[in-house]
Structures are given as structure tokens and as C-alpha cells.
Amino acid sequence: MTQPARYRCSLLVVDDEPYILTALASFLHGDYEVLTADSVETAQRILRDREIDLILTDQKMPHMSGVQLLEWVKEHSPRTVRLMMTGFAELDEAVDAINKGQVFRYLFKPWKSEELREVLNGAAHTFILERANKGLLKETQELNDRLRQVNAELEQRVEERTKELQEAYQELEQKNKMLEKLALTDPLTNLPNRRAMDRLAERELRRRDRFPGPLGILLIDVDHFKTINERYLLPGGDKVLIDLARVLNVSIRAVDFVGRIGGEEFMVVAPQTDMDGVMTLAERIRMAVELGEFSYKGEVIAVQVSIGAAIIDADKETDYDSLKHWASAALAEAKRTGRNRCVYYSLSQPPFEQAG
């Protein structure tokens, strides 16, 4: 089925994944005037600025779901034909999309190109026929019959492919989890990377809103690492970082998180840990590194670290940026005052208390 040449429908595609927007825009630009939005807010702004004939939105997005967006479109741009796509074949979401957003059709990810084109062409035909008004009643009836037939065929195809889609989704979910893990893992040490540690720290701060408790952030930096790199070159420096990751992993507690946030710098997030607990943890890490076994090509390498920590008490409020800032300041103080030592700042009673 092809849409009439006399009118080219505008199509707004909404998805928070840039590669999906790019793929759909490239695939559909020959048939439609394609506009893209990477967020609900952007989509709403476009709809306020101009008329849109068709909207195709993802269900799973930050801040507002696809069903909620289509509900908003139904109220503010009722002439727009509404379609939804989702990677989750869940009946409740489909019912919500039909009842609340009054969608023309919903599609499952990953979509099939011809199926997607067929559904969009059907939606475009519906829009054009409504635009043509009552003067084309016979043609409208014939096309509606065809659309009902297409929808019936699509429903039958979806039903036949349900098991296949579920299996494909499970496989895709596993791959996505693997990709997400890779995106959050430092490839050298296999520890969480900066992005992952930022997420973990932010999560612990949000947890304090419900379950107040102390929290410590420790920044760990290898002393004179440039000298190690110069003497043993990059392979030797990498070997030191890999061994250091192992030492850090066995030095922290089960509730703590450790990651490499860049170069020779590591971070530990210590939930439910007050000043005394952070001091004990930091000193245990410092001593474990100093006494640890580091070597490259049979040559023993002496490794030491400086540690800066920021601690917030259970009854005090702070944000992640403040904790990182003062942990970094404590680390700089540890470096400035001799290295191979720990410096602690308490954010609970400004001016911040320092323990060496």
C-alpha cells in the first residue's frame, strides 16, 4: 500500500536513543517529512510550533512514558494520528496506549521494515482520508476495509510471532545488559569506571533521603606513578594498576564500591560509614598497598598511595559534587604534605574538620 502522491504527510519520531532516530529518519525520509525528537519535551515543543500529521513514539523514555505523551497529543493536537512502539510486549502497556492515548497502532521493537512501513502507510491513509472529509465516503470505506484487513493480518502475524519476539527480546535484553556492563566497566582493571562510580554515589545519596546514614567518598591516587611509567613503560604501569585493583578489591568491605575513575586514580564509595569507619577503611587500604606485592618482569615495584576522603554524617545534607570536591581537596592535601598518607574532611561541621 502506498500513500497518495498528492500529499506528503509529516511524521514526528520520538525516541531517547539517537541511533534509532537516525535509522528511522533515513528509512522513512523518502515517504514522509520526518522530524525527530530525543525527548518528550522536544516533541511537545515541536507540536506547539507546527501541525504534525503522524507521531510515532517509544514507550520507555525518561520523565514521561509514550502513553502519557500520546495522551497529551490527543488533548493538544487531536488531528495527529498517534502510534507507539515498544521493546516490551506487555499487555497492560498496550491497553493503556489504546485507552488513554487512543493510538492507531502499536509496534514491537525490534521492528520489521516492511511491517513498520505498512503500519505507517495505513496511518497516513487514515489521516489523508479524514482530511479529504465526507466527499470521498466510498473511497474512505474501501480504504478503511483495507486497513481493517491489514490490521487483522498484522494482528495475526503478531500473534504468530509472539513467542519469537519474546525469545528475541530476552536475547536482546541479555545483550543490552552486557553492553551496559561494558559501558560501565574500566577495560584495564575490570572495575567500574567513572560513569559507573558516579551512578553508584548518586544512588547512595538518594538512598540517604529514605534511610538516613553517614556516607564516605575516598579518592585514591598512586604516588609517583609517572616515575613508574617512565621506568617500566606503559605495560609496567598497566600491570601495577591491575594489581592495585586486586588489592583494593580485597581491602574494602562487602558494602563498599571501588572503581577506577581515570589514570592512576581510584574511588571508593563507603555507605553507612562515619568518620571513624572511613579512617579505618582508608588506613587499611593504604597499608595493604604499601605491603602489597607488585612486580613486572620479575622486578619488585614499590607502590604507595595517597588517600583523600570526605564524610557526611547521617543528619546532614549534601550533594555529590560537594563530596567529590572535598575528597579531591583532601587528596591534594595528602599529596602536598608528604604522600603515602590519608587526609579526611568532615562536611558535617564547617569549617571542615581534618584528620591526617
Protein backbone atom coordinates (compact mmCIF):
# COMPACT_ATOMS: atom_id res chain seq x y z
CA MET A 1 0.00 0.00 0.00
CA THR A 2 1.43 3.43 -0.96
CA GLN A 3 0.19 6.80 0.17
CA PRO A 4 -1.26 9.22 -2.43
CA ALA A 5 1.36 11.30 -4.19
CA ARG A 6 -0.67 14.50 -3.87
CA TYR A 7 0.15 14.91 -0.19
CA ARG A 8 3.28 14.04 1.81
CA CYS A 9 2.49 13.53 5.49
CA SER A 10 4.67 14.97 8.23
CA LEU A 11 5.90 12.37 10.74
CA LEU A 12 7.36 13.12 14.19
CA VAL A 13 9.50 10.24 15.58
CA VAL A 14 10.18 10.37 19.34
CA ASP A 15 12.86 8.18 20.97
CA ASP A 16 15.64 8.84 23.50
CA GLU A 17 18.08 6.62 21.56
CA PRO A 18 19.88 8.75 18.90
CA TYR A 19 20.74 5.77 16.69
CA ILE A 20 17.05 4.80 16.44
CA LEU A 21 16.10 8.35 15.39
CA THR A 22 18.84 8.33 12.76
CA ALA A 23 17.83 4.92 11.42
CA LEU A 24 14.12 5.76 11.19
CA ALA A 25 14.74 9.18 9.62
CA SER A 26 16.96 7.59 6.96
CA PHE A 27 14.49 4.77 6.30
CA LEU A 28 11.35 6.95 6.09
CA HIS A 29 12.53 10.25 4.60
CA GLY A 30 11.53 9.26 1.08
CA ASP A 31 7.89 8.76 2.06
CA TYR A 32 7.41 11.35 4.79
CA GLU A 33 8.53 14.73 6.01
CA VAL A 34 10.38 13.28 9.01
CA LEU A 35 11.03 15.27 12.18
CA THR A 36 12.79 13.76 15.21
CA ALA A 37 12.75 14.44 18.96
CA ASP A 38 15.04 12.80 21.51
CA SER A 39 12.81 13.68 24.48
CA VAL A 40 9.16 14.27 25.36
CA GLU A 41 9.90 17.95 25.97
CA THR A 42 11.34 18.40 22.49
CA ALA A 43 8.36 16.61 20.95
CA GLN A 44 5.91 18.86 22.80
CA ARG A 45 7.78 21.96 21.65
CA ILE A 46 7.60 20.83 18.00
CA LEU A 47 3.88 20.10 18.30
CA ARG A 48 3.28 23.56 19.77
CA ASP A 49 5.19 25.22 16.93
CA ARG A 50 3.58 23.44 13.96
CA GLU A 51 0.98 20.92 12.90
CA ILE A 52 2.08 17.28 12.73
CA ASP A 53 0.14 14.64 10.80
CA LEU A 54 1.60 11.46 12.38
CA ILE A 55 3.53 10.82 15.60
CA LEU A 56 5.45 7.59 16.33
CA THR A 57 6.80 7.44 19.89
CA ASP A 58 8.75 4.97 22.01
CA GLN A 59 7.04 3.85 25.21
CA LYS A 60 10.06 3.74 27.55
CA MET A 61 11.54 7.25 27.98
CA PRO A 62 12.75 9.38 30.89
CA HIS A 63 10.31 11.70 32.70
CA MET A 64 7.19 10.71 30.73
CA SER A 65 6.10 7.48 29.05
CA GLY A 66 4.95 7.16 25.45
CA VAL A 67 1.37 6.58 26.63
CA GLN A 68 1.48 9.83 28.63
CA LEU A 69 2.87 11.72 25.63
CA LEU A 70 0.14 10.39 23.33
CA GLU A 71 -2.45 11.34 25.94
CA TRP A 72 -1.03 14.88 25.83
CA VAL A 73 -1.08 14.83 22.00
CA LYS A 74 -4.71 13.69 21.99
CA GLU A 75 -5.61 16.77 24.06
CA HIS A 76 -3.39 19.37 22.37
CA SER A 77 -3.24 18.09 18.77
CA PRO A 78 -6.27 15.80 18.29
CA ARG A 79 -5.90 15.68 14.47
CA THR A 80 -2.49 13.98 14.77
CA VAL A 81 -2.58 10.22 14.17
CA ARG A 82 -0.88 8.52 17.12
CA LEU A 83 1.32 5.40 17.00
CA MET A 84 3.52 3.79 19.64
CA MET A 85 6.50 1.42 19.56
CA THR A 86 7.93 -0.52 22.48
CA GLY A 87 10.53 -3.17 23.15
CA PHE A 88 8.36 -4.67 25.90
CA ALA A 89 5.46 -6.81 24.75
CA GLU A 90 3.35 -6.14 27.84
CA LEU A 91 -0.43 -6.26 27.62
CA ASP A 92 -1.01 -3.54 30.23
CA GLU A 93 1.05 -1.02 28.25
CA ALA A 94 -0.80 -1.87 25.05
CA VAL A 95 -4.17 -1.43 26.81
CA ASP A 96 -3.02 1.92 28.25
CA ALA A 97 -1.86 3.04 24.80
CA ILE A 98 -5.26 2.17 23.28
CA ASN A 99 -7.45 3.52 26.10
CA LYS A 100 -5.53 6.62 27.15
CA GLY A 101 -3.54 7.67 24.09
CA GLN A 102 -6.08 6.25 21.57
CA VAL A 103 -3.27 5.01 19.37
CA PHE A 104 -3.84 3.98 15.77
CA ARG A 105 -1.39 1.08 16.14
CA TYR A 106 1.41 -0.10 18.42
CA LEU A 107 4.58 -1.83 17.24
CA PHE A 108 7.12 -4.06 18.94
CA LYS A 109 10.89 -3.50 18.84
CA PRO A 110 12.85 -4.71 17.01
CA TRP A 111 10.52 -3.77 14.15
CA LYS A 112 10.46 -5.28 10.67
CA SER A 113 10.98 -2.68 7.97
CA GLU A 114 8.05 -3.72 5.79
CA GLU A 115 5.75 -4.08 8.78
CA LEU A 116 6.71 -0.61 10.02
CA ARG A 117 6.22 0.91 6.58
CA GLU A 118 2.87 -0.83 6.18
CA VAL A 119 1.56 0.41 9.52
CA LEU A 120 2.76 3.98 8.86
CA ASN A 121 1.25 3.94 5.38
CA GLY A 122 -2.00 2.80 6.92
CA ALA A 123 -1.88 5.64 9.44
CA ALA A 124 -1.05 8.12 6.65
CA HIS A 125 -4.00 6.89 4.62
CA THR A 126 -6.28 7.32 7.60
CA PHE A 127 -5.08 10.88 8.08
CA ILE A 128 -5.45 11.76 4.39
CA LEU A 129 -8.91 10.26 4.21
CA GLU A 130 -10.07 12.23 7.24
CA ARG A 131 -8.55 15.34 5.67
CA ALA A 132 -10.48 14.69 2.46
CA ASN A 133 -13.72 14.80 4.52
CA LYS A 134 -17.10 13.31 3.64
CA GLY A 135 -16.91 13.90 -0.11
CA LEU A 136 -14.87 10.69 -0.51
CA LEU A 137 -17.15 8.44 1.54
CA LYS A 138 -17.00 5.44 -0.82
CA GLU A 139 -13.23 5.59 -1.18
CA THR A 140 -12.90 6.04 2.59
CA GLN A 141 -14.99 2.95 3.21
CA GLU A 142 -12.91 0.87 0.81
CA LEU A 143 -9.65 2.08 2.32
CA ASN A 144 -10.95 1.51 5.84
CA ASP A 145 -11.90 -2.02 4.83
CA ARG A 146 -8.38 -2.47 3.53
CA LEU A 147 -6.93 -1.01 6.73
CA ARG A 148 -9.03 -3.36 8.83
CA GLN A 149 -7.77 -6.24 6.69
CA VAL A 150 -4.18 -5.04 7.09
CA ASN A 151 -4.67 -4.67 10.85
CA ALA A 152 -6.17 -8.15 11.04
CA GLU A 153 -3.23 -9.55 9.12
CA LEU A 154 -0.82 -7.67 11.38
CA GLU A 155 -2.60 -8.92 14.48
CA GLN A 156 -2.41 -12.49 13.17
CA ARG A 157 1.28 -12.02 12.34
CA VAL A 158 1.99 -10.54 15.78
CA GLU A 159 0.16 -13.41 17.46
CA GLU A 160 2.11 -15.97 15.43
CA ARG A 161 5.38 -14.23 16.25
CA THR A 162 4.74 -13.64 19.97
CA LYS A 163 6.95 -16.47 21.11
CA GLU A 164 9.63 -15.48 18.63
CA LEU A 165 9.50 -11.87 19.81
CA GLN A 166 9.71 -12.90 23.45
CA GLU A 167 12.77 -15.02 22.76
CA ALA A 168 14.31 -12.24 20.67
CA TYR A 169 13.58 -9.73 23.42
CA GLN A 170 15.19 -11.92 26.07
CA GLU A 171 18.27 -12.30 23.90
CA LEU A 172 18.33 -8.57 23.21
CA GLU A 173 17.92 -7.82 26.92
CA GLN A 174 20.90 -10.04 27.73
CA LYS A 175 23.00 -8.36 25.06
CA ASN A 176 21.93 -4.92 26.29
CA LYS A 177 22.94 -5.85 29.81
CA MET A 178 26.31 -6.99 28.51
CA LEU A 179 26.74 -3.76 26.55
CA GLU A 180 25.72 -1.68 29.55
CA LYS A 181 28.21 -3.56 31.70
CA LEU A 182 30.94 -2.91 29.13
CA ALA A 183 29.98 0.78 29.04
CA LEU A 184 30.29 0.95 32.83
CA THR A 185 33.49 -1.11 33.19
CA ASP A 186 37.11 0.00 33.00
CA PRO A 187 38.64 -2.34 30.39
CA LEU A 188 42.09 -2.47 32.04
CA THR A 189 41.19 -3.29 35.65
CA ASN A 190 37.65 -4.66 35.10
CA LEU A 191 36.49 -2.32 37.88
CA PRO A 192 33.55 0.08 37.49
CA ASN A 193 34.60 3.20 35.55
CA ARG A 194 33.97 6.87 36.35
CA ARG A 195 30.47 6.81 34.88
CA ALA A 196 29.53 3.76 36.96
CA MET A 197 31.01 5.20 40.17
CA ASP A 198 29.15 8.48 39.64
CA ARG A 199 25.91 6.50 39.33
CA LEU A 200 26.66 4.44 42.44
CA ALA A 201 27.49 7.51 44.52
CA GLU A 202 24.36 9.35 43.34
CA ARG A 203 22.30 6.25 44.16
CA GLU A 204 23.69 6.11 47.70
CA LEU A 205 22.91 9.80 48.20
CA ARG A 206 19.32 9.23 47.06
CA ARG A 207 19.08 6.24 49.40
CA ARG A 208 20.00 8.56 52.31
CA ASP A 209 16.80 10.53 51.61
CA ARG A 210 14.80 7.46 52.69
CA PHE A 211 17.24 5.81 55.07
CA PRO A 212 19.48 8.50 56.61
CA GLY A 213 23.02 7.37 57.35
CA PRO A 214 26.62 8.57 57.11
CA LEU A 215 28.47 8.29 53.82
CA GLY A 216 32.12 8.47 52.82
CA ILE A 217 33.84 9.08 49.48
CA LEU A 218 37.54 8.14 49.18
CA LEU A 219 39.82 9.18 46.34
CA ILE A 220 42.99 7.09 45.97
CA ASP A 221 45.95 8.17 43.84
CA VAL A 222 49.18 6.25 43.17
CA ASP A 223 52.21 8.20 44.40
CA HIS A 224 54.90 8.95 41.81
CA PHE A 225 53.09 6.95 39.14
CA LYS A 226 54.82 8.95 36.41
CA THR A 227 58.14 7.57 37.64
CA ILE A 228 56.76 4.02 37.47
CA ASN A 229 55.60 4.61 33.91
CA GLU A 230 58.95 6.07 32.90
CA ARG A 231 60.91 3.18 34.39
CA TYR A 232 58.69 0.29 33.35
CA LEU A 233 56.92 1.94 30.41
CA LEU A 234 53.19 1.66 29.81
CA PRO A 235 52.98 -2.17 30.09
CA GLY A 236 54.62 -2.00 33.52
CA GLY A 237 52.34 0.86 34.60
CA ASP A 238 49.28 -1.07 33.42
CA LYS A 239 50.43 -4.15 35.38
CA VAL A 240 50.69 -2.01 38.54
CA LEU A 241 47.15 -0.68 38.04
CA ILE A 242 45.78 -4.19 37.50
CA ASP A 243 47.47 -5.46 40.68
CA LEU A 244 46.33 -2.37 42.58
CA ALA A 245 42.73 -3.05 41.58
CA ARG A 246 43.10 -6.54 43.05
CA VAL A 247 44.50 -5.15 46.33
CA LEU A 248 41.69 -2.58 46.59
CA ASN A 249 39.05 -5.21 45.94
CA VAL A 250 40.23 -7.37 48.85
CA SER A 251 40.71 -4.37 51.17
CA ILE A 252 37.19 -2.92 51.04
CA ARG A 253 34.13 -4.28 52.81
CA ALA A 254 31.20 -6.08 51.17
CA VAL A 255 29.06 -2.91 51.33
CA ASP A 256 31.68 -0.70 49.66
CA PHE A 257 32.19 0.04 45.96
CA VAL A 258 35.56 0.60 44.31
CA GLY A 259 36.25 1.80 40.77
CA ARG A 260 38.89 3.35 38.57
CA ILE A 261 37.88 6.90 37.63
CA GLY A 262 40.86 7.79 35.44
CA GLY A 263 44.60 7.33 35.05
CA GLU A 264 46.06 6.18 38.35
CA GLU A 265 43.10 7.48 40.39
CA PHE A 266 40.53 5.24 42.07
CA MET A 267 37.38 5.92 44.10
CA VAL A 268 35.70 4.09 46.97
CA VAL A 269 32.07 4.76 47.97
CA ALA A 270 31.53 3.73 51.59
CA PRO A 271 27.82 3.68 52.59
CA GLN A 272 26.73 3.85 56.24
CA THR A 273 30.27 4.81 57.25
CA ASP A 274 31.13 7.61 59.69
CA MET A 275 34.47 9.34 60.25
CA ASP A 276 35.92 6.52 62.39
CA GLY A 277 34.86 3.91 59.87
CA VAL A 278 36.30 5.84 56.92
CA MET A 279 39.59 6.39 58.77
CA THR A 280 39.83 2.66 59.50
CA LEU A 281 38.98 1.75 55.90
CA ALA A 282 41.39 4.28 54.35
CA GLU A 283 44.29 3.26 56.56
CA ARG A 284 43.65 -0.42 55.84
CA ILE A 285 43.78 0.34 52.10
CA ARG A 286 46.94 2.45 52.43
CA MET A 287 48.75 -0.25 54.39
CA ALA A 288 47.55 -3.06 52.10
CA VAL A 289 49.01 -1.22 49.11
CA GLU A 290 52.27 -0.40 50.88
CA LEU A 291 52.72 -4.02 51.93
CA GLY A 292 51.33 -5.49 48.72
CA GLU A 293 53.30 -7.43 46.14
CA PHE A 294 53.78 -5.52 42.90
CA SER A 295 56.19 -6.67 40.22
CA TYR A 296 56.84 -6.53 36.49
CA LYS A 297 59.03 -8.98 34.58
CA GLY A 298 60.42 -10.34 37.84
CA GLU A 299 61.32 -6.93 39.28
CA VAL A 300 59.60 -5.85 42.50
CA ILE A 301 57.94 -2.43 42.34
CA ALA A 302 57.35 -0.36 45.48
CA VAL A 303 53.84 1.15 45.32
CA GLN A 304 52.27 3.65 47.71
CA VAL A 305 49.08 5.67 47.57
CA SER A 306 47.70 8.92 48.93
CA ILE A 307 44.06 8.97 50.03
CA GLY A 308 41.64 11.87 50.44
CA ALA A 309 38.23 11.30 51.99
CA ALA A 310 35.07 13.36 52.52
CA ILE A 311 32.48 12.22 55.06
CA ILE A 312 28.92 13.41 55.68
CA ASP A 313 27.04 12.49 58.89
CA ALA A 314 23.60 10.87 58.86
CA ASP A 315 21.68 14.00 59.90
CA LYS A 316 23.33 16.33 57.38
CA GLU A 317 22.56 17.02 53.73
CA THR A 318 24.98 17.39 50.83
CA ASP A 319 25.31 16.67 47.12
CA TYR A 320 27.69 14.54 45.10
CA ASP A 321 29.62 17.49 43.67
CA SER A 322 30.40 18.74 47.18
CA LEU A 323 31.56 15.32 48.34
CA LYS A 324 33.81 14.91 45.30
CA HIS A 325 35.19 18.43 45.69
CA TRP A 326 36.23 17.97 49.31
CA ALA A 327 37.52 14.45 48.76
CA SER A 328 39.69 15.89 45.97
CA ALA A 329 40.82 18.70 48.26
CA ALA A 330 41.74 16.15 50.95
CA LEU A 331 43.69 14.13 48.36
CA ALA A 332 45.57 17.25 47.28
CA GLU A 333 46.42 17.93 50.93
CA ALA A 334 47.68 14.36 51.35
CA LYS A 335 49.90 14.81 48.28
CA ARG A 336 51.13 18.23 49.44
CA THR A 337 52.03 17.05 52.93
CA GLY A 338 54.21 14.09 52.02
CA ARG A 339 52.20 11.39 50.19
CA ASN A 340 51.60 7.84 51.41
CA ARG A 341 49.10 9.21 53.91
CA CYS A 342 45.36 9.76 54.39
CA VAL A 343 43.56 13.07 54.89
CA TYR A 344 39.91 13.31 55.87
CA TYR A 345 37.41 16.17 55.69
CA SER A 346 34.08 16.08 57.54
CA LEU A 347 31.36 18.09 55.77
CA SER A 348 29.09 18.00 58.81
CA GLN A 349 30.59 20.85 60.86
CA PRO A 350 32.08 23.65 58.72
CA PRO A 351 34.78 24.71 58.68
CA PHE A 352 35.53 21.12 57.76
CA GLU A 353 37.38 19.02 60.29
CA GLN A 354 40.60 17.49 59.08
CA ALA A 355 42.19 14.30 60.30
CA GLY A 356 45.62 13.41 58.94
